[in-house]
């Protein structure tokens, strides 16, 4: 009996039936197990709030970000803030990505003027 005929009898697609059979052959069970690892401490909304604050005010401190999130209802540590910033491409709170054009303008202003 093929996947297509089994799928027609069960009312599922053939690819779904194939995936279930492959899962059974590999793990000898078909239930979905919980994912490994701890759940995220910061929601995606909180992470975007952190990134927006750092982008708008690059000299803000981690303690300021902790206090902002505490007012929003999330209690986290400064280390978690650092990890979140690093995950989104910033090394620390005061690290703003500066394009090379700004560096050239800076050099031009202070050397030639």
PDB file of N, CA and C in Angstrom:
ATOM      1  N   UNK A   1       0.835  -1.165   0.000  1.00  0.00           N
ATOM      2  CA  UNK A   1       0.000   0.000   0.000  1.00  0.00           C
ATOM      3  C   UNK A   1       0.895   1.248   0.000  1.00  0.00           C
ATOM      4  N   UNK A   2       0.627   2.205  -0.872  1.00  0.00           N
ATOM      5  CA  UNK A   2       1.461   3.391  -0.989  1.00  0.00           C
ATOM      6  C   UNK A   2       0.992   4.515  -0.083  1.00  0.00           C
ATOM      7  N   UNK A   3       1.844   5.529  -0.007  1.00  0.00           N
ATOM      8  CA  UNK A   3       1.516   6.687   0.820  1.00  0.00           C
ATOM      9  C   UNK A   3       0.261   7.389   0.316  1.00  0.00           C
ATOM     10  N   UNK A   4       0.082   7.416  -1.002  1.00  0.00           N
ATOM     11  CA  UNK A   4      -1.062   8.121  -1.565  1.00  0.00           C
ATOM     12  C   UNK A   4      -2.377   7.448  -1.186  1.00  0.00           C
ATOM     13  N   UNK A   5      -2.423   6.130  -1.252  1.00  0.00           N
ATOM     14  CA  UNK A   5      -3.671   5.431  -0.899  1.00  0.00           C
ATOM     15  C   UNK A   5      -3.949   5.524   0.604  1.00  0.00           C
ATOM     16  N   UNK A   6      -2.902   5.449   1.405  1.00  0.00           N
ATOM     17  CA  UNK A   6      -3.086   5.605   2.853  1.00  0.00           C
ATOM     18  C   UNK A   6      -3.583   7.014   3.160  1.00  0.00           C
ATOM     19  N   UNK A   7      -3.000   7.994   2.474  1.00  0.00           N
ATOM     20  CA  UNK A   7      -3.416   9.373   2.675  1.00  0.00           C
ATOM     21  C   UNK A   7      -4.869   9.604   2.286  1.00  0.00           C
ATOM     22  N   UNK A   8      -5.319   8.967   1.211  1.00  0.00           N
ATOM     23  CA  UNK A   8      -6.713   9.119   0.801  1.00  0.00           C
ATOM     24  C   UNK A   8      -7.657   8.511   1.832  1.00  0.00           C
ATOM     25  N   UNK A   9      -7.264   7.367   2.387  1.00  0.00           N
ATOM     26  CA  UNK A   9      -8.112   6.727   3.395  1.00  0.00           C
ATOM     27  C   UNK A   9      -8.187   7.554   4.684  1.00  0.00           C
ATOM     28  N   UNK A  10      -7.074   8.205   5.045  1.00  0.00           N
ATOM     29  CA  UNK A  10      -7.036   8.989   6.286  1.00  0.00           C
ATOM     30  C   UNK A  10      -7.433  10.450   6.077  1.00  0.00           C
ATOM     31  N   UNK A  11      -7.486  10.877   4.825  1.00  0.00           N
ATOM     32  CA  UNK A  11      -7.817  12.266   4.548  1.00  0.00           C
ATOM     33  C   UNK A  11      -6.635  13.200   4.737  1.00  0.00           C
ATOM     34  N   UNK A  12      -5.436  12.688   4.576  1.00  0.00           N
ATOM     35  CA  UNK A  12      -4.215  13.483   4.706  1.00  0.00           C
ATOM     36  C   UNK A  12      -3.454  13.447   3.392  1.00  0.00           C
ATOM     37  N   UNK A  13      -2.465  14.338   3.260  1.00  0.00           N
ATOM     38  CA  UNK A  13      -1.629  14.352   2.065  1.00  0.00           C
ATOM     39  C   UNK A  13      -0.621  13.214   2.128  1.00  0.00           C
ATOM     40  N   UNK A  14      -0.142  12.826   0.964  1.00  0.00           N
ATOM     41  CA  UNK A  14       0.829  11.731   0.891  1.00  0.00           C
ATOM     42  C   UNK A  14       2.143  12.123   1.563  1.00  0.00           C
ATOM     43  N   UNK A  15       2.523  13.396   1.471  1.00  0.00           N
ATOM     44  CA  UNK A  15       3.769  13.831   2.099  1.00  0.00           C
ATOM     45  C   UNK A  15       3.666  13.770   3.628  1.00  0.00           C
ATOM     46  N   UNK A  16       2.471  14.059   4.160  1.00  0.00           N
ATOM     47  CA  UNK A  16       2.271  13.959   5.607  1.00  0.00           C
ATOM     48  C   UNK A  16       2.390  12.524   6.068  1.00  0.00           C
ATOM     49  N   UNK A  17       1.780  11.617   5.317  1.00  0.00           N
ATOM     50  CA  UNK A  17       1.860  10.186   5.649  1.00  0.00           C
ATOM     51  C   UNK A  17       3.309   9.717   5.580  1.00  0.00           C
ATOM     52  N   UNK A  18       4.032  10.146   4.543  1.00  0.00           N
ATOM     53  CA  UNK A  18       5.440   9.771   4.411  1.00  0.00           C
ATOM     54  C   UNK A  18       6.279  10.282   5.562  1.00  0.00           C
ATOM     55  N   UNK A  19       6.012  11.520   5.995  1.00  0.00           N
ATOM     56  CA  UNK A  19       6.766  12.086   7.112  1.00  0.00           C
ATOM     57  C   UNK A  19       6.509  11.325   8.401  1.00  0.00           C
ATOM     58  N   UNK A  20       5.253  10.943   8.619  1.00  0.00           N
ATOM     59  CA  UNK A  20       4.908  10.186   9.834  1.00  0.00           C
ATOM     60  C   UNK A  20       5.574   8.813   9.809  1.00  0.00           C
ATOM     61  N   UNK A  21       5.568   8.167   8.671  1.00  0.00           N
ATOM     62  CA  UNK A  21       6.195   6.834   8.565  1.00  0.00           C
ATOM     63  C   UNK A  21       7.703   6.943   8.750  1.00  0.00           C
ATOM     64  N   UNK A  22       8.324   7.961   8.152  1.00  0.00           N
ATOM     65  CA  UNK A  22       9.773   8.145   8.330  1.00  0.00           C
ATOM     66  C   UNK A  22      10.107   8.410   9.794  1.00  0.00           C
ATOM     67  N   UNK A  23       9.269   9.194  10.457  1.00  0.00           N
ATOM     68  CA  UNK A  23       9.489   9.476  11.874  1.00  0.00           C
ATOM     69  C   UNK A  23       9.361   8.200  12.701  1.00  0.00           C
ATOM     70  N   UNK A  24       8.396   7.370  12.372  1.00  0.00           N
ATOM     71  CA  UNK A  24       8.220   6.107  13.088  1.00  0.00           C
ATOM     72  C   UNK A  24       9.420   5.193  12.885  1.00  0.00           C
ATOM     73  N   UNK A  25       9.910   5.114  11.646  1.00  0.00           N
ATOM     74  CA  UNK A  25      11.054   4.242  11.372  1.00  0.00           C
ATOM     75  C   UNK A  25      12.314   4.717  12.090  1.00  0.00           C
ATOM     76  N   UNK A  26      12.461   6.023  12.243  1.00  0.00           N
ATOM     77  CA  UNK A  26      13.676   6.548  12.846  1.00  0.00           C
ATOM     78  C   UNK A  26      13.628   6.525  14.374  1.00  0.00           C
ATOM     79  N   UNK A  27      12.502   6.947  14.982  1.00  0.00           N
ATOM     80  CA  UNK A  27      12.435   7.107  16.429  1.00  0.00           C
ATOM     81  C   UNK A  27      11.548   6.088  17.136  1.00  0.00           C
ATOM     82  N   UNK A  28      10.776   5.287  16.385  1.00  0.00           N
ATOM     83  CA  UNK A  28       9.834   4.315  16.948  1.00  0.00           C
ATOM     84  C   UNK A  28       8.727   4.981  17.764  1.00  0.00           C
ATOM     85  N   UNK A  29       8.412   6.232  17.446  1.00  0.00           N
ATOM     86  CA  UNK A  29       7.292   6.937  18.057  1.00  0.00           C
ATOM     87  C   UNK A  29       6.912   8.099  17.140  1.00  0.00           C
ATOM     88  N   UNK A  30       5.695   8.587  17.321  1.00  0.00           N
ATOM     89  CA  UNK A  30       5.241   9.683  16.471  1.00  0.00           C
ATOM     90  C   UNK A  30       4.825  10.917  17.260  1.00  0.00           C
ATOM     91  N   UNK A  31       4.936  10.891  18.569  1.00  0.00           N
ATOM     92  CA  UNK A  31       4.545  12.056  19.356  1.00  0.00           C
ATOM     93  C   UNK A  31       5.614  13.141  19.239  1.00  0.00           C
ATOM     94  N   UNK A  32       5.204  14.392  19.367  1.00  0.00           N
ATOM     95  CA  UNK A  32       6.136  15.500  19.342  1.00  0.00           C
ATOM     96  C   UNK A  32       6.685  15.725  20.748  1.00  0.00           C
ATOM     97  N   UNK A  33       8.006  15.630  20.887  1.00  0.00           N
ATOM     98  CA  UNK A  33       8.646  15.833  22.172  1.00  0.00           C
ATOM     99  C   UNK A  33       8.942  17.313  22.374  1.00  0.00           C
ATOM    100  N   UNK A  34       9.058  17.759  23.626  1.00  0.00           N
ATOM    101  CA  UNK A  34       9.391  19.164  23.860  1.00  0.00           C
ATOM    102  C   UNK A  34      10.788  19.492  23.345  1.00  0.00           C
ATOM    103  N   UNK A  35      10.966  20.725  22.953  1.00  0.00           N
ATOM    104  CA  UNK A  35      12.265  21.164  22.433  1.00  0.00           C
ATOM    105  C   UNK A  35      13.271  21.251  23.571  1.00  0.00           C
ATOM    106  N   UNK A  36      14.536  21.077  23.224  1.00  0.00           N
ATOM    107  CA  UNK A  36      15.586  21.158  24.229  1.00  0.00           C
ATOM    108  C   UNK A  36      15.928  22.623  24.488  1.00  0.00           C
ATOM    109  N   UNK A  37      16.496  22.887  25.638  1.00  0.00           N
ATOM    110  CA  UNK A  37      16.921  24.237  25.972  1.00  0.00           C
ATOM    111  C   UNK A  37      15.890  24.973  26.797  1.00  0.00           C
ATOM    112  N   UNK A  38      16.357  26.022  27.428  1.00  0.00           N
ATOM    113  CA  UNK A  38      15.490  26.835  28.270  1.00  0.00           C
ATOM    114  C   UNK A  38      14.691  27.811  27.414  1.00  0.00           C
ATOM    115  N   UNK A  39      13.506  28.179  27.848  1.00  0.00           N
ATOM    116  CA  UNK A  39      12.739  29.168  27.085  1.00  0.00           C
ATOM    117  C   UNK A  39      13.404  30.539  27.154  1.00  0.00           C
ATOM    118  N   UNK A  40      13.151  31.373  26.171  1.00  0.00           N
ATOM    119  CA  UNK A  40      13.730  32.715  26.122  1.00  0.00           C
ATOM    120  C   UNK A  40      13.174  33.561  27.258  1.00  0.00           C
ATOM    121  N   UNK A  41      14.061  34.346  27.876  1.00  0.00           N
ATOM    122  CA  UNK A  41      13.642  35.212  28.965  1.00  0.00           C
ATOM    123  C   UNK A  41      13.018  36.504  28.454  1.00  0.00           C
ATOM    124  N   UNK A  42      13.422  36.918  27.252  1.00  0.00           N
ATOM    125  CA  UNK A  42      12.896  38.155  26.676  1.00  0.00           C
ATOM    126  C   UNK A  42      12.025  37.798  25.480  1.00  0.00           C
ATOM    127  N   UNK A  43      10.840  38.377  25.442  1.00  0.00           N
ATOM    128  CA  UNK A  43       9.950  38.152  24.305  1.00  0.00           C
ATOM    129  C   UNK A  43      10.489  38.905  23.098  1.00  0.00           C
ATOM    130  N   UNK A  44      10.060  38.535  21.888  1.00  0.00           N
ATOM    131  CA  UNK A  44      10.492  39.285  20.700  1.00  0.00           C
ATOM    132  C   UNK A  44      10.148  40.771  20.791  1.00  0.00           C
ATOM    133  N   UNK A  45       9.032  41.087  21.436  1.00  0.00           N
ATOM    134  CA  UNK A  45       8.651  42.487  21.604  1.00  0.00           C
ATOM    135  C   UNK A  45       9.635  43.212  22.517  1.00  0.00           C
ATOM    136  N   UNK A  46      10.066  42.542  23.591  1.00  0.00           N
ATOM    137  CA  UNK A  46      11.052  43.138  24.494  1.00  0.00           C
ATOM    138  C   UNK A  46      12.398  43.324  23.818  1.00  0.00           C
ATOM    139  N   UNK A  47      12.795  42.342  22.994  1.00  0.00           N
ATOM    140  CA  UNK A  47      14.062  42.447  22.273  1.00  0.00           C
ATOM    141  C   UNK A  47      14.019  43.610  21.283  1.00  0.00           C
ATOM    142  N   UNK A  48      12.892  43.792  20.602  1.00  0.00           N
ATOM    143  CA  UNK A  48      12.794  44.913  19.664  1.00  0.00           C
ATOM    144  C   UNK A  48      12.792  46.240  20.415  1.00  0.00           C
ATOM    145  N   UNK A  49      12.232  46.256  21.624  1.00  0.00           N
ATOM    146  CA  UNK A  49      12.255  47.466  22.440  1.00  0.00           C
ATOM    147  C   UNK A  49      13.694  47.818  22.821  1.00  0.00           C
ATOM    148  N   UNK A  50      14.477  46.812  23.190  1.00  0.00           N
ATOM    149  CA  UNK A  50      15.881  47.027  23.531  1.00  0.00           C
ATOM    150  C   UNK A  50      16.640  47.569  22.325  1.00  0.00           C
ATOM    151  N   UNK A  51      16.458  46.940  21.175  1.00  0.00           N
ATOM    152  CA  UNK A  51      17.183  47.361  19.975  1.00  0.00           C
ATOM    153  C   UNK A  51      16.796  48.778  19.563  1.00  0.00           C
ATOM    154  N   UNK A  52      15.521  49.124  19.689  1.00  0.00           N
ATOM    155  CA  UNK A  52      15.066  50.466  19.325  1.00  0.00           C
ATOM    156  C   UNK A  52      15.687  51.513  20.256  1.00  0.00           C
ATOM    157  N   UNK A  53      15.728  51.200  21.559  1.00  0.00           N
ATOM    158  CA  UNK A  53      16.293  52.140  22.531  1.00  0.00           C
ATOM    159  C   UNK A  53      17.786  52.339  22.285  1.00  0.00           C
ATOM    160  N   UNK A  54      18.502  51.255  21.997  1.00  0.00           N
ATOM    161  CA  UNK A  54      19.942  51.360  21.758  1.00  0.00           C
ATOM    162  C   UNK A  54      20.212  52.079  20.445  1.00  0.00           C
ATOM    163  N   UNK A  55      19.371  51.850  19.439  1.00  0.00           N
ATOM    164  CA  UNK A  55      19.558  52.525  18.156  1.00  0.00           C
ATOM    165  C   UNK A  55      19.306  54.032  18.287  1.00  0.00           C
ATOM    166  N   UNK A  56      18.292  54.406  19.073  1.00  0.00           N
ATOM    167  CA  UNK A  56      17.969  55.819  19.241  1.00  0.00           C
ATOM    168  C   UNK A  56      18.931  56.517  20.200  1.00  0.00           C
ATOM    169  N   UNK A  57      19.336  55.812  21.254  1.00  0.00           N
ATOM    170  CA  UNK A  57      20.253  56.377  22.250  1.00  0.00           C
ATOM    171  C   UNK A  57      21.417  55.408  22.448  1.00  0.00           C
ATOM    172  N   UNK A  58      22.451  55.499  21.616  1.00  0.00           N
ATOM    173  CA  UNK A  58      23.531  54.499  21.668  1.00  0.00           C
ATOM    174  C   UNK A  58      24.338  54.512  22.957  1.00  0.00           C
ATOM    175  N   UNK A  59      24.286  55.582  23.746  1.00  0.00           N
ATOM    176  CA  UNK A  59      25.054  55.638  24.989  1.00  0.00           C
ATOM    177  C   UNK A  59      24.255  55.168  26.197  1.00  0.00           C
ATOM    178  N   UNK A  60      23.106  54.554  26.003  1.00  0.00           N
ATOM    179  CA  UNK A  60      22.310  54.072  27.128  1.00  0.00           C
ATOM    180  C   UNK A  60      23.016  52.902  27.796  1.00  0.00           C
ATOM    181  N   UNK A  61      22.788  52.723  29.079  1.00  0.00           N
ATOM    182  CA  UNK A  61      23.460  51.663  29.831  1.00  0.00           C
ATOM    183  C   UNK A  61      22.560  50.437  29.928  1.00  0.00           C
ATOM    184  N   UNK A  62      23.181  49.337  30.284  1.00  0.00           N
ATOM    185  CA  UNK A  62      22.408  48.105  30.448  1.00  0.00           C
ATOM    186  C   UNK A  62      21.436  48.230  31.616  1.00  0.00           C
ATOM    187  N   UNK A  63      21.844  48.962  32.664  1.00  0.00           N
ATOM    188  CA  UNK A  63      20.956  49.135  33.812  1.00  0.00           C
ATOM    189  C   UNK A  63      19.709  49.926  33.422  1.00  0.00           C
ATOM    190  N   UNK A  64      19.861  50.916  32.543  1.00  0.00           N
ATOM    191  CA  UNK A  64      18.690  51.650  32.053  1.00  0.00           C
ATOM    192  C   UNK A  64      17.742  50.713  31.309  1.00  0.00           C
ATOM    193  N   UNK A  65      18.314  49.823  30.501  1.00  0.00           N
ATOM    194  CA  UNK A  65      17.482  48.877  29.745  1.00  0.00           C
ATOM    195  C   UNK A  65      16.777  47.901  30.686  1.00  0.00           C
ATOM    196  N   UNK A  66      17.489  47.457  31.740  1.00  0.00           N
ATOM    197  CA  UNK A  66      16.873  46.567  32.730  1.00  0.00           C
ATOM    198  C   UNK A  66      15.701  47.267  33.407  1.00  0.00           C
ATOM    199  N   UNK A  67      15.898  48.540  33.768  1.00  0.00           N
ATOM    200  CA  UNK A  67      14.829  49.296  34.425  1.00  0.00           C
ATOM    201  C   UNK A  67      13.639  49.505  33.489  1.00  0.00           C
ATOM    202  N   UNK A  68      13.900  49.775  32.204  1.00  0.00           N
ATOM    203  CA  UNK A  68      12.809  49.953  31.236  1.00  0.00           C
ATOM    204  C   UNK A  68      11.988  48.672  31.100  1.00  0.00           C
ATOM    205  N   UNK A  69      12.678  47.543  31.018  1.00  0.00           N
ATOM    206  CA  UNK A  69      11.965  46.274  30.891  1.00  0.00           C
ATOM    207  C   UNK A  69      11.241  45.909  32.185  1.00  0.00           C
ATOM    208  N   UNK A  70      11.803  46.302  33.326  1.00  0.00           N
ATOM    209  CA  UNK A  70      11.127  46.038  34.597  1.00  0.00           C
ATOM    210  C   UNK A  70       9.812  46.823  34.677  1.00  0.00           C
ATOM    211  N   UNK A  71       9.849  48.077  34.190  1.00  0.00           N
ATOM    212  CA  UNK A  71       8.616  48.869  34.150  1.00  0.00           C
ATOM    213  C   UNK A  71       7.597  48.250  33.190  1.00  0.00           C
ATOM    214  N   UNK A  72       8.092  47.571  32.141  1.00  0.00           N
ATOM    215  CA  UNK A  72       7.196  46.920  31.185  1.00  0.00           C
ATOM    216  C   UNK A  72       6.696  45.572  31.697  1.00  0.00           C
ATOM    217  N   UNK A  73       7.279  45.083  32.823  1.00  0.00           N
ATOM    218  CA  UNK A  73       6.792  43.839  33.412  1.00  0.00           C
ATOM    219  C   UNK A  73       7.683  42.631  33.218  1.00  0.00           C
ATOM    220  N   UNK A  74       8.931  42.830  32.747  1.00  0.00           N
ATOM    221  CA  UNK A  74       9.856  41.723  32.539  1.00  0.00           C
ATOM    222  C   UNK A  74      11.085  41.951  33.403  1.00  0.00           C
ATOM    223  N   UNK A  75      11.407  40.988  34.269  1.00  0.00           N
ATOM    224  CA  UNK A  75      12.576  41.101  35.132  1.00  0.00           C
ATOM    225  C   UNK A  75      13.691  40.239  34.566  1.00  0.00           C
ATOM    226  N   UNK A  76      14.778  40.891  34.161  1.00  0.00           N
ATOM    227  CA  UNK A  76      15.931  40.181  33.600  1.00  0.00           C
ATOM    228  C   UNK A  76      17.203  40.806  34.137  1.00  0.00           C
ATOM    229  N   UNK A  77      18.339  40.158  33.854  1.00  0.00           N
ATOM    230  CA  UNK A  77      19.624  40.657  34.331  1.00  0.00           C
ATOM    231  C   UNK A  77      20.337  41.445  33.233  1.00  0.00           C
ATOM    232  N   UNK A  78      21.430  42.114  33.628  1.00  0.00           N
ATOM    233  CA  UNK A  78      22.225  42.864  32.663  1.00  0.00           C
ATOM    234  C   UNK A  78      22.923  41.921  31.684  1.00  0.00           C
ATOM    235  N   UNK A  79      23.272  40.740  32.140  1.00  0.00           N
ATOM    236  CA  UNK A  79      23.922  39.756  31.267  1.00  0.00           C
ATOM    237  C   UNK A  79      22.970  39.321  30.155  1.00  0.00           C
ATOM    238  N   UNK A  80      21.694  39.177  30.474  1.00  0.00           N
ATOM    239  CA  UNK A  80      20.707  38.815  29.455  1.00  0.00           C
ATOM    240  C   UNK A  80      20.581  39.930  28.421  1.00  0.00           C
ATOM    241  N   UNK A  81      20.662  41.175  28.857  1.00  0.00           N
ATOM    242  CA  UNK A  81      20.646  42.305  27.927  1.00  0.00           C
ATOM    243  C   UNK A  81      21.840  42.216  26.989  1.00  0.00           C
ATOM    244  N   UNK A  82      23.027  41.927  27.541  1.00  0.00           N
ATOM    245  CA  UNK A  82      24.236  41.810  26.719  1.00  0.00           C
ATOM    246  C   UNK A  82      24.099  40.689  25.698  1.00  0.00           C
ATOM    247  N   UNK A  83      23.571  39.550  26.134  1.00  0.00           N
ATOM    248  CA  UNK A  83      23.386  38.426  25.217  1.00  0.00           C
ATOM    249  C   UNK A  83      22.421  38.780  24.100  1.00  0.00           C
ATOM    250  N   UNK A  84      21.347  39.496  24.425  1.00  0.00           N
ATOM    251  CA  UNK A  84      20.363  39.883  23.419  1.00  0.00           C
ATOM    252  C   UNK A  84      20.977  40.848  22.414  1.00  0.00           C
ATOM    253  N   UNK A  85      21.750  41.824  22.899  1.00  0.00           N
ATOM    254  CA  UNK A  85      22.408  42.763  21.988  1.00  0.00           C
ATOM    255  C   UNK A  85      23.390  42.052  21.073  1.00  0.00           C
ATOM    256  N   UNK A  86      24.156  41.112  21.627  1.00  0.00           N
ATOM    257  CA  UNK A  86      25.127  40.371  20.818  1.00  0.00           C
ATOM    258  C   UNK A  86      24.422  39.519  19.766  1.00  0.00           C
ATOM    259  N   UNK A  87      23.277  38.939  20.144  1.00  0.00           N
ATOM    260  CA  UNK A  87      22.521  38.118  19.212  1.00  0.00           C
ATOM    261  C   UNK A  87      21.995  38.932  18.034  1.00  0.00           C
ATOM    262  N   UNK A  88      21.737  40.233  18.272  1.00  0.00           N
ATOM    263  CA  UNK A  88      21.211  41.097  17.219  1.00  0.00           C
ATOM    264  C   UNK A  88      22.296  41.911  16.520  1.00  0.00           C
ATOM    265  N   UNK A  89      23.559  41.608  16.777  1.00  0.00           N
ATOM    266  CA  UNK A  89      24.641  42.216  16.013  1.00  0.00           C
ATOM    267  C   UNK A  89      25.342  43.389  16.665  1.00  0.00           C
ATOM    268  N   UNK A  90      25.081  43.679  17.929  1.00  0.00           N
ATOM    269  CA  UNK A  90      25.780  44.749  18.630  1.00  0.00           C
ATOM    270  C   UNK A  90      26.631  44.139  19.734  1.00  0.00           C
ATOM    271  N   UNK A  91      27.821  44.702  19.945  1.00  0.00           N
ATOM    272  CA  UNK A  91      28.707  44.134  20.948  1.00  0.00           C
ATOM    273  C   UNK A  91      28.368  44.598  22.347  1.00  0.00           C
ATOM    274  N   UNK A  92      27.947  45.845  22.507  1.00  0.00           N
ATOM    275  CA  UNK A  92      27.571  46.360  23.821  1.00  0.00           C
ATOM    276  C   UNK A  92      26.563  47.472  23.623  1.00  0.00           C
ATOM    277  N   UNK A  93      26.127  48.067  24.712  1.00  0.00           N
ATOM    278  CA  UNK A  93      25.109  49.116  24.622  1.00  0.00           C
ATOM    279  C   UNK A  93      25.609  50.338  23.886  1.00  0.00           C
ATOM    280  N   UNK A  94      26.888  50.656  24.003  1.00  0.00           N
ATOM    281  CA  UNK A  94      27.398  51.872  23.389  1.00  0.00           C
ATOM    282  C   UNK A  94      27.955  51.619  21.993  1.00  0.00           C
ATOM    283  N   UNK A  95      27.736  50.444  21.455  1.00  0.00           N
ATOM    284  CA  UNK A  95      28.266  50.128  20.131  1.00  0.00           C
ATOM    285  C   UNK A  95      27.215  50.394  19.079  1.00  0.00           C
ATOM    286  N   UNK A  96      27.402  51.431  18.327  1.00  0.00           N
ATOM    287  CA  UNK A  96      26.507  51.730  17.217  1.00  0.00           C
ATOM    288  C   UNK A  96      27.267  51.464  15.936  1.00  0.00           C
ATOM    289  N   UNK A  97      26.644  50.799  14.995  1.00  0.00           N
ATOM    290  CA  UNK A  97      27.295  50.528  13.731  1.00  0.00           C
ATOM    291  C   UNK A  97      27.425  51.842  12.958  1.00  0.00           C
ATOM    292  N   UNK A  98      28.650  52.239  12.662  1.00  0.00           N
ATOM    293  CA  UNK A  98      28.900  53.481  11.949  1.00  0.00           C
ATOM    294  C   UNK A  98      29.380  53.129  10.556  1.00  0.00           C
ATOM    295  N   UNK A  99      28.726  53.689   9.567  1.00  0.00           N
ATOM    296  CA  UNK A  99      29.126  53.448   8.196  1.00  0.00           C
ATOM    297  C   UNK A  99      30.413  54.167   7.865  1.00  0.00           C
ATOM    298  N   UNK A 100      31.089  53.734   6.818  1.00  0.00           N
ATOM    299  CA  UNK A 100      32.368  54.334   6.456  1.00  0.00           C
ATOM    300  C   UNK A 100      32.204  55.764   5.977  1.00  0.00           C
ATOM    301  N   UNK A 101      31.046  56.120   5.443  1.00  0.00           N
ATOM    302  CA  UNK A 101      30.838  57.494   4.993  1.00  0.00           C
ATOM    303  C   UNK A 101      30.935  58.460   6.160  1.00  0.00           C
ATOM    304  N   UNK A 102      30.452  58.061   7.336  1.00  0.00           N
ATOM    305  CA  UNK A 102      30.534  58.925   8.507  1.00  0.00           C
ATOM    306  C   UNK A 102      31.977  59.085   8.964  1.00  0.00           C
ATOM    307  N   UNK A 103      32.759  58.043   8.839  1.00  0.00           N
ATOM    308  CA  UNK A 103      34.170  58.123   9.206  1.00  0.00           C
ATOM    309  C   UNK A 103      34.884  59.085   8.274  1.00  0.00           C
ATOM    310  N   UNK A 104      34.605  59.018   6.971  1.00  0.00           N
ATOM    311  CA  UNK A 104      35.225  59.919   6.012  1.00  0.00           C
ATOM    312  C   UNK A 104      34.820  61.365   6.268  1.00  0.00           C
ATOM    313  N   UNK A 105      33.564  61.596   6.606  1.00  0.00           N
ATOM    314  CA  UNK A 105      33.109  62.951   6.916  1.00  0.00           C
ATOM    315  C   UNK A 105      33.814  63.461   8.163  1.00  0.00           C
ATOM    316  N   UNK A 106      33.938  62.619   9.169  1.00  0.00           N
ATOM    317  CA  UNK A 106      34.615  62.990  10.404  1.00  0.00           C
ATOM    318  C   UNK A 106      36.062  63.375  10.127  1.00  0.00           C
ATOM    319  N   UNK A 107      36.771  62.565   9.342  1.00  0.00           N
ATOM    320  CA  UNK A 107      38.165  62.849   9.007  1.00  0.00           C
ATOM    321  C   UNK A 107      38.256  64.143   8.215  1.00  0.00           C
ATOM    322  N   UNK A 108      37.376  64.350   7.273  1.00  0.00           N
ATOM    323  CA  UNK A 108      37.398  65.540   6.441  1.00  0.00           C
ATOM    324  C   UNK A 108      37.189  66.806   7.290  1.00  0.00           C
ATOM    325  N   UNK A 109      36.239  66.747   8.197  1.00  0.00           N
ATOM    326  CA  UNK A 109      35.932  67.925   9.011  1.00  0.00           C
ATOM    327  C   UNK A 109      37.113  68.274   9.916  1.00  0.00           C
ATOM    328  N   UNK A 110      37.726  67.291  10.558  1.00  0.00           N
ATOM    329  CA  UNK A 110      38.759  67.602  11.536  1.00  0.00           C
ATOM    330  C   UNK A 110      40.163  67.729  10.948  1.00  0.00           C
ATOM    331  N   UNK A 111      40.374  67.326   9.719  1.00  0.00           N
ATOM    332  CA  UNK A 111      41.685  67.469   9.109  1.00  0.00           C
ATOM    333  C   UNK A 111      41.738  68.702   8.213  1.00  0.00           C
ATOM    334  N   UNK A 112      40.717  68.872   7.389  1.00  0.00           N
ATOM    335  CA  UNK A 112      40.749  69.926   6.385  1.00  0.00           C
ATOM    336  C   UNK A 112      40.107  71.235   6.845  1.00  0.00           C
ATOM    337  N   UNK A 113      39.427  71.229   7.943  1.00  0.00           N
ATOM    338  CA  UNK A 113      38.786  72.475   8.394  1.00  0.00           C
ATOM    339  C   UNK A 113      39.445  72.975   9.650  1.00  0.00           C
TER     340      UNK A 113
END
